[in-house]
Amino acid sequence: MVKSSTLLEIPLQGERQLSEPLRRALDIAVAATALAVLAPVLATVAVLIWSEDRGSILFHQERVGQNGKRFAFYKFRSMVANAEALKESLSTKNEASGPIFKMQHDPRITRIGRVLRRYSLDELPQLWNILKGDMSLVGPRPHLPREIESCPDYPLERLSVPPGLICLREVSGRSRLTFEEWIALDLEYVRKRSLLLNLSILLRALPAVLRGDGAY
């Protein structure tokens, strides 16, 4: 169970340690610029979500970040308002391995939500998480506390870096990957982490998002 960040602190070495100030500066610059440039898109998405069912525009959850620190994680709402209450009734239809819940044709997803998910537009509010310092542009996607707590062999090394908006999994198959493959890619990223690797992932992300590879 993740309770204390001090128990999970793993020092960064070499290039990763030296690049942290630059990484943070780039995160702030890119996230702030993207929020400004994409403001019309964000506003349009917000109107479309609200107009479909008059429900809330944003969805937030508690996620686990670097060193076990918990934070409020934001997304555009892509499911019906009572999605969490309906999840239990769909548990037998889970198509993902490990503690993750995924359904390719999840009935809780709204019409606009399917478009948002296919092109990852639902993730755009996490640019605010990046500005706040909860997340980085590139890094392992943050898990829910219960997902970590239900996995006795969860590698704490994965929590030694900030979680990211985009990860190696996003350009390597996304939802088609098993939980074990997802974790393996995250650990590969943590161990090889550098600004050059981050740039490579960012450059590969746009084509993957436009194709909607493995997105649901």
Protein backbone atom coordinates (compact mmCIF):
# COMPACT_ATOMS: atom_id res chain seq x y z
CA MET A 1 0.00 0.00 0.00
CA VAL A 2 1.33 3.43 -0.92
CA LYS A 3 1.13 5.62 2.18
CA SER A 4 4.36 7.55 2.62
CA SER A 5 6.39 9.24 -0.08
CA THR A 6 9.55 9.12 2.02
CA LEU A 7 9.62 5.32 1.86
CA LEU A 8 9.59 5.38 -1.92
CA GLU A 9 12.23 7.97 -2.67
CA ILE A 10 14.73 6.56 -5.16
CA PRO A 11 17.57 8.94 -6.10
CA LEU A 12 18.06 9.69 -9.77
CA GLN A 13 21.50 9.10 -11.17
CA GLY A 14 23.75 10.65 -13.82
CA GLU A 15 22.04 12.23 -16.79
CA ARG A 16 18.57 11.93 -15.28
CA GLN A 17 19.55 13.92 -12.19
CA LEU A 18 21.35 16.63 -14.17
CA SER A 19 18.47 17.06 -16.61
CA GLU A 20 15.71 17.61 -14.02
CA PRO A 21 15.77 21.45 -14.01
CA LEU A 22 15.77 21.52 -17.80
CA ARG A 23 13.02 18.90 -17.96
CA ARG A 24 10.84 20.97 -15.63
CA ALA A 25 11.49 24.17 -17.59
CA LEU A 26 10.51 22.43 -20.84
CA ASP A 27 7.39 20.98 -19.20
CA ILE A 28 6.24 24.43 -18.11
CA ALA A 29 7.02 26.07 -21.45
CA VAL A 30 5.32 23.39 -23.55
CA ALA A 31 2.27 22.98 -21.30
CA ALA A 32 1.65 26.74 -21.03
CA THR A 33 2.05 27.21 -24.79
CA ALA A 34 -0.21 24.25 -25.57
CA LEU A 35 -2.95 25.50 -23.24
CA ALA A 36 -2.86 28.92 -24.91
CA VAL A 37 -2.79 27.57 -28.48
CA LEU A 38 -5.42 24.90 -27.84
CA ALA A 39 -7.79 27.19 -25.92
CA PRO A 40 -10.39 27.18 -28.76
CA VAL A 41 -10.22 23.37 -28.93
CA LEU A 42 -10.60 23.06 -25.16
CA ALA A 43 -13.61 25.38 -25.21
CA THR A 44 -15.23 23.48 -28.08
CA VAL A 45 -14.75 20.13 -26.37
CA ALA A 46 -16.21 21.52 -23.15
CA VAL A 47 -19.34 22.73 -24.97
CA LEU A 48 -19.79 19.39 -26.76
CA ILE A 49 -19.51 17.41 -23.52
CA TRP A 50 -21.99 19.64 -21.72
CA SER A 51 -24.46 19.70 -24.63
CA GLU A 52 -24.68 15.91 -24.83
CA ASP A 53 -26.11 15.29 -21.35
CA ARG A 54 -25.74 18.56 -19.41
CA GLY A 55 -23.33 16.80 -17.05
CA SER A 56 -19.98 17.87 -15.66
CA ILE A 57 -17.27 18.72 -18.16
CA LEU A 58 -14.27 17.51 -16.19
CA PHE A 59 -13.64 14.21 -14.47
CA HIS A 60 -11.04 13.86 -11.73
CA GLN A 61 -9.58 10.98 -9.75
CA GLU A 62 -6.91 10.54 -7.13
CA ARG A 63 -3.79 9.07 -8.76
CA VAL A 64 -0.35 8.11 -7.45
CA GLY A 65 2.57 10.22 -8.60
CA GLN A 66 6.30 10.44 -7.99
CA ASN A 67 7.48 8.90 -4.71
CA GLY A 68 3.93 7.79 -3.91
CA LYS A 69 2.49 11.30 -3.67
CA ARG A 70 -1.22 11.37 -4.47
CA PHE A 71 -2.75 14.11 -6.58
CA ALA A 72 -5.97 15.10 -8.37
CA PHE A 73 -5.77 13.87 -11.95
CA TYR A 74 -7.95 15.65 -14.53
CA LYS A 75 -9.57 14.52 -17.78
CA PHE A 76 -12.42 15.66 -19.97
CA ARG A 77 -15.38 13.48 -19.03
CA SER A 78 -15.88 10.80 -21.66
CA MET A 79 -18.37 8.58 -19.80
CA VAL A 80 -21.88 8.91 -18.43
CA ALA A 81 -22.17 10.74 -15.13
CA ASN A 82 -22.70 7.54 -13.06
CA ALA A 83 -19.89 5.59 -14.74
CA GLU A 84 -18.17 4.61 -11.49
CA ALA A 85 -21.41 3.22 -10.04
CA LEU A 86 -21.91 1.08 -13.17
CA LYS A 87 -18.36 -0.29 -13.18
CA GLU A 88 -19.07 -3.12 -10.73
CA SER A 89 -21.82 -4.53 -12.97
CA LEU A 90 -19.33 -4.71 -15.85
CA SER A 91 -16.48 -6.34 -13.91
CA THR A 92 -16.95 -9.72 -15.61
CA LYS A 93 -16.45 -8.10 -19.02
CA ASN A 94 -13.02 -6.66 -18.28
CA GLU A 95 -10.68 -7.17 -21.25
CA ALA A 96 -7.47 -6.04 -19.55
CA SER A 97 -5.01 -8.07 -17.51
CA GLY A 98 -3.83 -7.23 -14.01
CA PRO A 99 -5.61 -4.60 -11.88
CA ILE A 100 -6.61 -2.42 -14.86
CA PHE A 101 -10.20 -2.25 -16.15
CA LYS A 102 -10.63 -1.85 -19.93
CA MET A 103 -13.45 -2.61 -22.39
CA GLN A 104 -13.12 -1.86 -26.08
CA HIS A 105 -16.88 -1.29 -26.34
CA ASP A 106 -17.58 0.08 -22.87
CA PRO A 107 -21.30 1.05 -22.79
CA ARG A 108 -20.56 3.85 -20.33
CA ILE A 109 -18.67 5.91 -22.91
CA THR A 110 -20.69 8.74 -24.46
CA ARG A 111 -20.83 9.52 -28.19
CA ILE A 112 -18.51 12.51 -27.90
CA GLY A 113 -16.44 10.50 -25.43
CA ARG A 114 -15.58 7.90 -28.08
CA VAL A 115 -14.15 10.60 -30.32
CA LEU A 116 -12.26 12.19 -27.44
CA ARG A 117 -10.72 8.85 -26.46
CA ARG A 118 -9.79 7.82 -29.98
CA TYR A 119 -7.70 10.95 -30.43
CA SER A 120 -6.69 11.35 -26.76
CA LEU A 121 -8.43 14.71 -26.51
CA ASP A 122 -9.83 13.68 -23.13
CA GLU A 123 -6.30 13.87 -21.74
CA LEU A 124 -5.73 17.55 -22.56
CA PRO A 125 -6.70 18.85 -19.07
CA GLN A 126 -3.58 17.10 -17.78
CA LEU A 127 -1.61 19.99 -19.24
CA TRP A 128 -2.79 21.75 -16.07
CA ASN A 129 -1.40 18.86 -13.99
CA ILE A 130 1.93 19.43 -15.74
CA LEU A 131 1.93 23.13 -14.94
CA LYS A 132 1.19 22.32 -11.29
CA GLY A 133 4.12 19.93 -11.17
CA ASP A 134 2.05 16.79 -10.54
CA MET A 135 3.03 15.35 -13.92
CA SER A 136 5.54 15.68 -16.73
CA LEU A 137 5.09 15.66 -20.51
CA VAL A 138 6.66 12.20 -20.71
CA GLY A 139 6.63 9.49 -18.06
CA PRO A 140 4.72 6.42 -16.86
CA ARG A 141 0.97 6.98 -16.75
CA PRO A 142 -0.22 7.40 -13.14
CA HIS A 143 -2.15 4.52 -11.60
CA LEU A 144 -5.04 4.61 -9.17
CA PRO A 145 -4.12 3.83 -5.54
CA ARG A 146 -6.28 0.68 -5.58
CA GLU A 147 -4.52 -0.58 -8.72
CA ILE A 148 -1.16 -0.38 -6.95
CA GLU A 149 -2.47 -1.78 -3.68
CA SER A 150 -4.00 -4.81 -5.43
CA CYS A 151 -0.69 -5.65 -7.11
CA PRO A 152 1.64 -7.17 -4.48
CA ASP A 153 4.64 -7.20 -6.83
CA TYR A 154 4.16 -3.64 -8.05
CA PRO A 155 7.64 -2.22 -8.86
CA LEU A 156 8.20 0.90 -6.77
CA GLU A 157 10.97 1.88 -9.19
CA ARG A 158 8.15 2.98 -11.50
CA LEU A 159 7.29 5.73 -8.98
CA SER A 160 10.82 7.16 -8.92
CA VAL A 161 10.03 9.59 -11.76
CA PRO A 162 7.11 11.98 -12.38
CA PRO A 163 4.12 10.41 -14.14
CA GLY A 164 3.56 11.60 -17.68
CA LEU A 165 0.94 12.75 -20.16
CA ILE A 166 2.61 10.52 -22.75
CA CYS A 167 4.50 7.31 -22.08
CA LEU A 168 6.41 4.68 -24.01
CA ARG A 169 3.28 2.51 -23.96
CA GLU A 170 1.37 5.20 -25.87
CA VAL A 171 3.65 4.73 -28.88
CA SER A 172 3.98 0.95 -28.50
CA GLY A 173 0.44 -0.42 -28.69
CA ARG A 174 -1.54 1.37 -25.96
CA SER A 175 -4.56 -0.67 -24.85
CA ARG A 176 -3.51 -3.69 -26.90
CA LEU A 177 -0.70 -4.34 -24.41
CA THR A 178 -1.06 -6.51 -21.33
CA PHE A 179 -0.52 -5.03 -17.88
CA GLU A 180 2.80 -6.87 -17.64
CA GLU A 181 3.97 -5.43 -20.98
CA TRP A 182 2.86 -1.97 -19.87
CA ILE A 183 4.92 -2.22 -16.66
CA ALA A 184 7.94 -3.58 -18.56
CA LEU A 185 7.88 -0.60 -20.94
CA ASP A 186 7.56 1.83 -18.03
CA LEU A 187 10.57 0.30 -16.30
CA GLU A 188 12.53 0.44 -19.56
CA TYR A 189 11.70 4.14 -19.76
CA VAL A 190 12.68 4.80 -16.13
CA ARG A 191 16.05 3.10 -16.58
CA LYS A 192 16.89 4.82 -19.88
CA ARG A 193 15.24 8.15 -19.13
CA SER A 194 16.85 11.16 -20.83
CA LEU A 195 15.81 14.30 -22.68
CA LEU A 196 16.68 12.59 -25.96
CA LEU A 197 14.37 9.66 -25.17
CA ASN A 198 11.61 12.07 -24.15
CA LEU A 199 11.95 13.90 -27.48
CA SER A 200 11.82 10.62 -29.38
CA ILE A 201 8.60 9.59 -27.60
CA LEU A 202 6.99 12.99 -28.19
CA LEU A 203 7.81 12.85 -31.92
CA ARG A 204 6.33 9.34 -32.18
CA ALA A 205 3.24 10.28 -30.17
CA LEU A 206 1.54 12.57 -32.69
CA PRO A 207 1.29 9.99 -35.51
CA ALA A 208 0.14 7.34 -33.00
CA VAL A 209 -2.58 9.64 -31.65
CA LEU A 210 -3.79 10.65 -35.12
CA ARG A 211 -4.07 6.98 -36.12
CA GLY A 212 -5.87 6.16 -32.87
CA ASP A 213 -3.63 3.14 -32.40
CA GLY A 214 -5.02 0.88 -29.68
CA ALA A 215 -7.11 3.70 -28.21
CA TYR A 216 -10.34 2.91 -26.34
